[in-house]
Amino acid sequence: MKPIERVKLLIEKKGLSISAFERQTGMSNNSIQTAIKRKANLKDDTLNHIIEAFPDVSVEWLLLGKGNMFKNEQAVMQVQETEIAYDSTYIINLQKEYIEKLKAEINLLKNEDTF
């Protein structure tokens, strides 16, 4: 996959139109659109504009196709996994408390029946 194809993926991932991407990167109208259609090689200044406009994008991914699209993607995934583990533990503890309350209520009801 050529860098221009990765740029197209980036535009889609960011949810931008090509013209909005061109404006955000400071490039002329239709410059990216034309490059995408022609599957052209990107010039250094074009790549520099993209890297400056989107500092969260991995340069290694953009140029070589290696690694994640975004620099912090792995860190975000780790944070999400930690949050899921915490949420799961919290839910389990709430369920345990609820079970104990139900057990106590059952015992109360059993004791009422004996009277």
N, C-alpha and C. Protein backbone atom coordinates (compact mmCIF):
# COMPACT_ATOMS: atom_id res chain seq x y z
N MET A 1 0.85 -1.18 0.00
CA MET A 1 0.00 0.00 0.00
C MET A 1 0.90 1.24 0.00
N LYS A 2 0.58 2.16 -0.86
CA LYS A 2 1.35 3.39 -0.99
C LYS A 2 0.90 4.41 0.06
N PRO A 3 1.78 5.37 0.39
CA PRO A 3 1.40 6.39 1.36
C PRO A 3 0.10 7.12 1.01
N ILE A 4 -0.15 7.37 -0.27
CA ILE A 4 -1.39 8.07 -0.65
C ILE A 4 -2.62 7.25 -0.27
N GLU A 5 -2.50 5.93 -0.34
CA GLU A 5 -3.61 5.06 0.06
C GLU A 5 -3.81 5.10 1.57
N ARG A 6 -2.70 5.23 2.31
CA ARG A 6 -2.81 5.37 3.76
C ARG A 6 -3.41 6.73 4.12
N VAL A 7 -3.10 7.75 3.33
CA VAL A 7 -3.71 9.07 3.55
C VAL A 7 -5.22 8.96 3.37
N LYS A 8 -5.64 8.23 2.36
CA LYS A 8 -7.08 8.04 2.15
C LYS A 8 -7.72 7.34 3.35
N LEU A 9 -7.04 6.32 3.89
CA LEU A 9 -7.54 5.64 5.10
C LEU A 9 -7.61 6.60 6.28
N LEU A 10 -6.59 7.44 6.41
CA LEU A 10 -6.55 8.43 7.49
C LEU A 10 -7.74 9.39 7.38
N ILE A 11 -8.00 9.87 6.19
CA ILE A 11 -9.12 10.78 5.97
C ILE A 11 -10.43 10.12 6.39
N GLU A 12 -10.60 8.86 6.00
CA GLU A 12 -11.82 8.13 6.37
C GLU A 12 -11.90 7.93 7.87
N LYS A 13 -10.78 7.55 8.49
CA LYS A 13 -10.75 7.30 9.94
C LYS A 13 -11.07 8.58 10.72
N LYS A 14 -10.57 9.71 10.24
CA LYS A 14 -10.83 10.99 10.89
C LYS A 14 -12.24 11.50 10.62
N GLY A 15 -12.93 10.88 9.67
CA GLY A 15 -14.29 11.30 9.34
C GLY A 15 -14.34 12.63 8.61
N LEU A 16 -13.32 12.90 7.84
CA LEU A 16 -13.24 14.17 7.11
C LEU A 16 -13.55 13.96 5.63
N SER A 17 -14.00 15.02 5.01
CA SER A 17 -14.07 15.01 3.55
C SER A 17 -12.66 15.31 3.05
N ILE A 18 -12.41 15.01 1.80
CA ILE A 18 -11.08 15.28 1.25
C ILE A 18 -10.81 16.78 1.25
N SER A 19 -11.82 17.58 0.93
CA SER A 19 -11.61 19.03 0.91
C SER A 19 -11.34 19.57 2.31
N ALA A 20 -12.02 19.02 3.32
CA ALA A 20 -11.76 19.44 4.71
C ALA A 20 -10.34 19.06 5.12
N PHE A 21 -9.91 17.88 4.70
CA PHE A 21 -8.54 17.43 4.99
C PHE A 21 -7.53 18.37 4.34
N GLU A 22 -7.79 18.75 3.09
CA GLU A 22 -6.90 19.67 2.38
C GLU A 22 -6.83 21.01 3.09
N ARG A 23 -7.97 21.51 3.53
CA ARG A 23 -7.99 22.79 4.25
C ARG A 23 -7.21 22.68 5.56
N GLN A 24 -7.45 21.58 6.29
CA GLN A 24 -6.83 21.41 7.60
C GLN A 24 -5.31 21.27 7.48
N THR A 25 -4.85 20.72 6.39
CA THR A 25 -3.41 20.55 6.19
C THR A 25 -2.78 21.73 5.45
N GLY A 26 -3.61 22.66 5.00
CA GLY A 26 -3.10 23.84 4.30
C GLY A 26 -2.70 23.58 2.86
N MET A 27 -3.24 22.53 2.28
CA MET A 27 -2.91 22.20 0.89
C MET A 27 -3.96 22.79 -0.05
N SER A 28 -3.58 22.92 -1.30
CA SER A 28 -4.50 23.51 -2.27
C SER A 28 -5.65 22.56 -2.57
N ASN A 29 -6.75 23.17 -3.03
CA ASN A 29 -7.94 22.38 -3.37
C ASN A 29 -7.61 21.33 -4.42
N ASN A 30 -8.17 20.17 -4.21
CA ASN A 30 -8.04 19.03 -5.13
C ASN A 30 -6.65 18.41 -5.21
N SER A 31 -5.69 18.89 -4.43
CA SER A 31 -4.35 18.31 -4.52
C SER A 31 -4.34 16.87 -4.03
N ILE A 32 -5.00 16.61 -2.92
CA ILE A 32 -5.07 15.24 -2.39
C ILE A 32 -6.03 14.42 -3.24
N GLN A 33 -7.15 15.02 -3.61
CA GLN A 33 -8.13 14.32 -4.45
C GLN A 33 -7.47 13.80 -5.73
N THR A 34 -6.69 14.64 -6.36
CA THR A 34 -6.00 14.26 -7.60
C THR A 34 -4.97 13.16 -7.33
N ALA A 35 -4.22 13.30 -6.24
CA ALA A 35 -3.21 12.30 -5.90
C ALA A 35 -3.85 10.95 -5.61
N ILE A 36 -5.00 10.96 -4.94
CA ILE A 36 -5.70 9.71 -4.65
C ILE A 36 -6.16 9.05 -5.95
N LYS A 37 -6.75 9.84 -6.84
CA LYS A 37 -7.22 9.29 -8.12
C LYS A 37 -6.08 8.69 -8.92
N ARG A 38 -4.94 9.36 -8.92
CA ARG A 38 -3.80 8.91 -9.72
C ARG A 38 -2.92 7.90 -8.98
N LYS A 39 -3.22 7.71 -7.69
CA LYS A 39 -2.37 6.87 -6.82
C LYS A 39 -0.91 7.34 -6.93
N ALA A 40 -0.78 8.66 -6.87
CA ALA A 40 0.52 9.30 -7.05
C ALA A 40 1.38 9.21 -5.79
N ASN A 41 2.67 9.35 -5.99
CA ASN A 41 3.58 9.44 -4.85
C ASN A 41 3.42 10.82 -4.22
N LEU A 42 3.55 10.86 -2.91
CA LEU A 42 3.41 12.13 -2.21
C LEU A 42 4.76 12.84 -2.12
N LYS A 43 4.74 14.13 -2.28
CA LYS A 43 5.95 14.93 -2.16
C LYS A 43 6.26 15.13 -0.68
N ASP A 44 7.52 15.44 -0.41
CA ASP A 44 7.94 15.65 0.98
C ASP A 44 7.15 16.75 1.66
N ASP A 45 6.91 17.87 0.95
CA ASP A 45 6.18 18.96 1.58
C ASP A 45 4.74 18.57 1.90
N THR A 46 4.14 17.71 1.08
CA THR A 46 2.78 17.23 1.36
C THR A 46 2.78 16.39 2.62
N LEU A 47 3.75 15.49 2.73
CA LEU A 47 3.87 14.66 3.93
C LEU A 47 4.11 15.52 5.16
N ASN A 48 4.94 16.55 5.02
CA ASN A 48 5.20 17.45 6.15
C ASN A 48 3.93 18.16 6.60
N HIS A 49 3.13 18.61 5.65
CA HIS A 49 1.86 19.27 5.98
C HIS A 49 0.95 18.33 6.78
N ILE A 50 0.89 17.09 6.35
CA ILE A 50 0.03 16.10 7.02
C ILE A 50 0.54 15.84 8.43
N ILE A 51 1.84 15.64 8.56
CA ILE A 51 2.44 15.35 9.87
C ILE A 51 2.25 16.52 10.83
N GLU A 52 2.38 17.74 10.34
CA GLU A 52 2.19 18.92 11.18
C GLU A 52 0.73 19.10 11.58
N ALA A 53 -0.18 18.83 10.65
CA ALA A 53 -1.61 19.02 10.93
C ALA A 53 -2.17 17.93 11.83
N PHE A 54 -1.58 16.75 11.77
CA PHE A 54 -2.08 15.60 12.55
C PHE A 54 -0.94 14.98 13.34
N PRO A 55 -0.53 15.62 14.43
CA PRO A 55 0.60 15.10 15.21
C PRO A 55 0.32 13.75 15.88
N ASP A 56 -0.95 13.37 15.94
CA ASP A 56 -1.29 12.07 16.54
C ASP A 56 -1.06 10.91 15.58
N VAL A 57 -0.80 11.20 14.31
CA VAL A 57 -0.60 10.16 13.30
C VAL A 57 0.85 9.68 13.37
N SER A 58 1.03 8.38 13.34
CA SER A 58 2.36 7.78 13.35
C SER A 58 3.04 8.01 12.00
N VAL A 59 4.20 8.63 12.03
CA VAL A 59 4.96 8.88 10.81
C VAL A 59 5.39 7.55 10.19
N GLU A 60 5.77 6.61 11.04
CA GLU A 60 6.18 5.29 10.54
C GLU A 60 5.03 4.61 9.78
N TRP A 61 3.82 4.74 10.32
CA TRP A 61 2.67 4.16 9.63
C TRP A 61 2.41 4.88 8.31
N LEU A 62 2.45 6.21 8.36
CA LEU A 62 2.15 7.00 7.17
C LEU A 62 3.14 6.71 6.03
N LEU A 63 4.42 6.64 6.36
CA LEU A 63 5.44 6.46 5.33
C LEU A 63 5.64 5.00 4.93
N LEU A 64 5.64 4.11 5.94
CA LEU A 64 6.03 2.72 5.67
C LEU A 64 4.91 1.70 5.83
N GLY A 65 3.83 2.13 6.47
CA GLY A 65 2.73 1.19 6.70
C GLY A 65 2.98 0.26 7.88
N LYS A 66 3.93 0.59 8.73
CA LYS A 66 4.26 -0.25 9.89
C LYS A 66 3.65 0.33 11.15
N GLY A 67 3.19 -0.57 12.02
CA GLY A 67 2.65 -0.13 13.31
C GLY A 67 1.22 0.36 13.19
N ASN A 68 0.80 1.09 14.22
CA ASN A 68 -0.57 1.62 14.30
C ASN A 68 -0.67 2.95 13.57
N MET A 69 -1.88 3.28 13.14
CA MET A 69 -2.13 4.54 12.47
C MET A 69 -1.85 5.72 13.40
N PHE A 70 -2.23 5.58 14.66
CA PHE A 70 -2.08 6.67 15.61
C PHE A 70 -1.03 6.33 16.65
N LYS A 71 -0.27 7.33 17.06
CA LYS A 71 0.81 7.13 18.02
C LYS A 71 0.31 6.56 19.33
N ASN A 72 -0.81 7.07 19.82
CA ASN A 72 -1.29 6.68 21.14
C ASN A 72 -2.30 5.54 21.11
N GLU A 73 -2.46 4.90 19.98
CA GLU A 73 -3.48 3.86 19.84
C GLU A 73 -3.25 2.72 20.83
N GLN A 74 -2.00 2.29 20.99
CA GLN A 74 -1.71 1.20 21.92
C GLN A 74 -1.97 1.65 23.35
N ALA A 75 -1.58 2.88 23.69
CA ALA A 75 -1.80 3.38 25.04
C ALA A 75 -3.29 3.49 25.34
N VAL A 76 -4.07 3.93 24.37
CA VAL A 76 -5.52 4.04 24.54
C VAL A 76 -6.13 2.67 24.78
N MET A 77 -5.66 1.67 24.02
CA MET A 77 -6.18 0.32 24.18
C MET A 77 -5.87 -0.21 25.58
N GLN A 78 -4.67 0.07 26.10
CA GLN A 78 -4.30 -0.39 27.43
C GLN A 78 -5.16 0.29 28.50
N VAL A 79 -5.42 1.58 28.34
CA VAL A 79 -6.27 2.29 29.29
C VAL A 79 -7.68 1.71 29.27
N GLN A 80 -8.21 1.44 28.08
CA GLN A 80 -9.55 0.87 27.96
C GLN A 80 -9.62 -0.50 28.63
N GLU A 81 -8.58 -1.32 28.45
CA GLU A 81 -8.56 -2.64 29.08
C GLU A 81 -8.53 -2.51 30.60
N THR A 82 -7.78 -1.54 31.11
CA THR A 82 -7.72 -1.31 32.55
C THR A 82 -9.08 -0.87 33.07
N GLU A 83 -9.74 0.03 32.33
CA GLU A 83 -11.07 0.49 32.73
C GLU A 83 -12.07 -0.65 32.73
N ILE A 84 -11.99 -1.53 31.76
CA ILE A 84 -12.90 -2.68 31.70
C ILE A 84 -12.68 -3.58 32.89
N ALA A 85 -11.41 -3.84 33.23
CA ALA A 85 -11.11 -4.69 34.38
C ALA A 85 -11.65 -4.06 35.66
N TYR A 86 -11.47 -2.75 35.81
CA TYR A 86 -11.97 -2.05 37.00
C TYR A 86 -13.49 -2.12 37.04
N ASP A 87 -14.15 -1.85 35.92
CA ASP A 87 -15.61 -1.90 35.86
C ASP A 87 -16.12 -3.29 36.19
N SER A 88 -15.45 -4.32 35.69
CA SER A 88 -15.87 -5.70 35.96
C SER A 88 -15.77 -6.00 37.45
N THR A 89 -14.67 -5.59 38.06
CA THR A 89 -14.49 -5.81 39.50
C THR A 89 -15.56 -5.07 40.29
N TYR A 90 -15.85 -3.86 39.90
CA TYR A 90 -16.87 -3.06 40.57
C TYR A 90 -18.24 -3.73 40.48
N ILE A 91 -18.59 -4.21 39.30
CA ILE A 91 -19.88 -4.87 39.10
C ILE A 91 -19.96 -6.15 39.92
N ILE A 92 -18.88 -6.92 39.93
CA ILE A 92 -18.87 -8.16 40.72
C ILE A 92 -19.06 -7.85 42.20
N ASN A 93 -18.41 -6.83 42.70
CA ASN A 93 -18.57 -6.46 44.11
C ASN A 93 -20.00 -6.01 44.42
N LEU A 94 -20.60 -5.25 43.51
CA LEU A 94 -22.00 -4.85 43.69
C LEU A 94 -22.92 -6.07 43.73
N GLN A 95 -22.66 -7.03 42.86
CA GLN A 95 -23.47 -8.25 42.83
C GLN A 95 -23.31 -9.04 44.13
N LYS A 96 -22.10 -9.11 44.65
CA LYS A 96 -21.86 -9.82 45.91
C LYS A 96 -22.64 -9.16 47.05
N GLU A 97 -22.61 -7.83 47.09
CA GLU A 97 -23.36 -7.10 48.12
C GLU A 97 -24.85 -7.39 48.00
N TYR A 98 -25.35 -7.37 46.79
CA TYR A 98 -26.77 -7.62 46.55
C TYR A 98 -27.15 -9.04 46.97
N ILE A 99 -26.29 -9.99 46.67
CA ILE A 99 -26.54 -11.38 47.07
C ILE A 99 -26.60 -11.49 48.58
N GLU A 100 -25.69 -10.83 49.27
CA GLU A 100 -25.70 -10.87 50.74
C GLU A 100 -26.98 -10.25 51.31
N LYS A 101 -27.45 -9.17 50.71
CA LYS A 101 -28.71 -8.56 51.16
C LYS A 101 -29.88 -9.50 50.92
N LEU A 102 -29.88 -10.17 49.78
CA LEU A 102 -30.95 -11.13 49.49
C LEU A 102 -30.92 -12.30 50.47
N LYS A 103 -29.74 -12.78 50.80
CA LYS A 103 -29.61 -13.87 51.77
C LYS A 103 -30.17 -13.44 53.13
N ALA A 104 -29.84 -12.22 53.53
CA ALA A 104 -30.34 -11.71 54.81
C ALA A 104 -31.86 -11.60 54.78
N GLU A 105 -32.41 -11.14 53.67
CA GLU A 105 -33.86 -11.02 53.53
C GLU A 105 -34.52 -12.40 53.55
N ILE A 106 -33.92 -13.37 52.91
CA ILE A 106 -34.45 -14.74 52.93
C ILE A 106 -34.47 -15.28 54.35
N ASN A 107 -33.39 -15.06 55.08
CA ASN A 107 -33.33 -15.52 56.47
C ASN A 107 -34.41 -14.85 57.32
N LEU A 108 -34.64 -13.56 57.10
CA LEU A 108 -35.70 -12.86 57.83
C LEU A 108 -37.06 -13.47 57.52
N LEU A 109 -37.30 -13.73 56.27
CA LEU A 109 -38.58 -14.33 55.87
C LEU A 109 -38.74 -15.73 56.44
N LYS A 110 -37.69 -16.50 56.49
CA LYS A 110 -37.75 -17.84 57.08
C LYS A 110 -38.08 -17.76 58.56
N ASN A 111 -37.47 -16.79 59.24
CA ASN A 111 -37.71 -16.62 60.68
C ASN A 111 -39.14 -16.16 60.95
N GLU A 112 -39.70 -15.35 60.04
CA GLU A 112 -41.09 -14.91 60.21
C GLU A 112 -42.04 -16.09 60.07
N ASP A 113 -41.74 -17.03 59.21
CA ASP A 113 -42.59 -18.20 59.00
C ASP A 113 -42.61 -19.11 60.22
N THR A 114 -41.55 -19.12 60.99
CA THR A 114 -41.50 -20.00 62.16
C THR A 114 -42.34 -19.46 63.31
N PHE A 115 -42.71 -18.24 63.29
CA PHE A 115 -43.52 -17.66 64.39
C PHE A 115 -44.94 -17.92 64.20
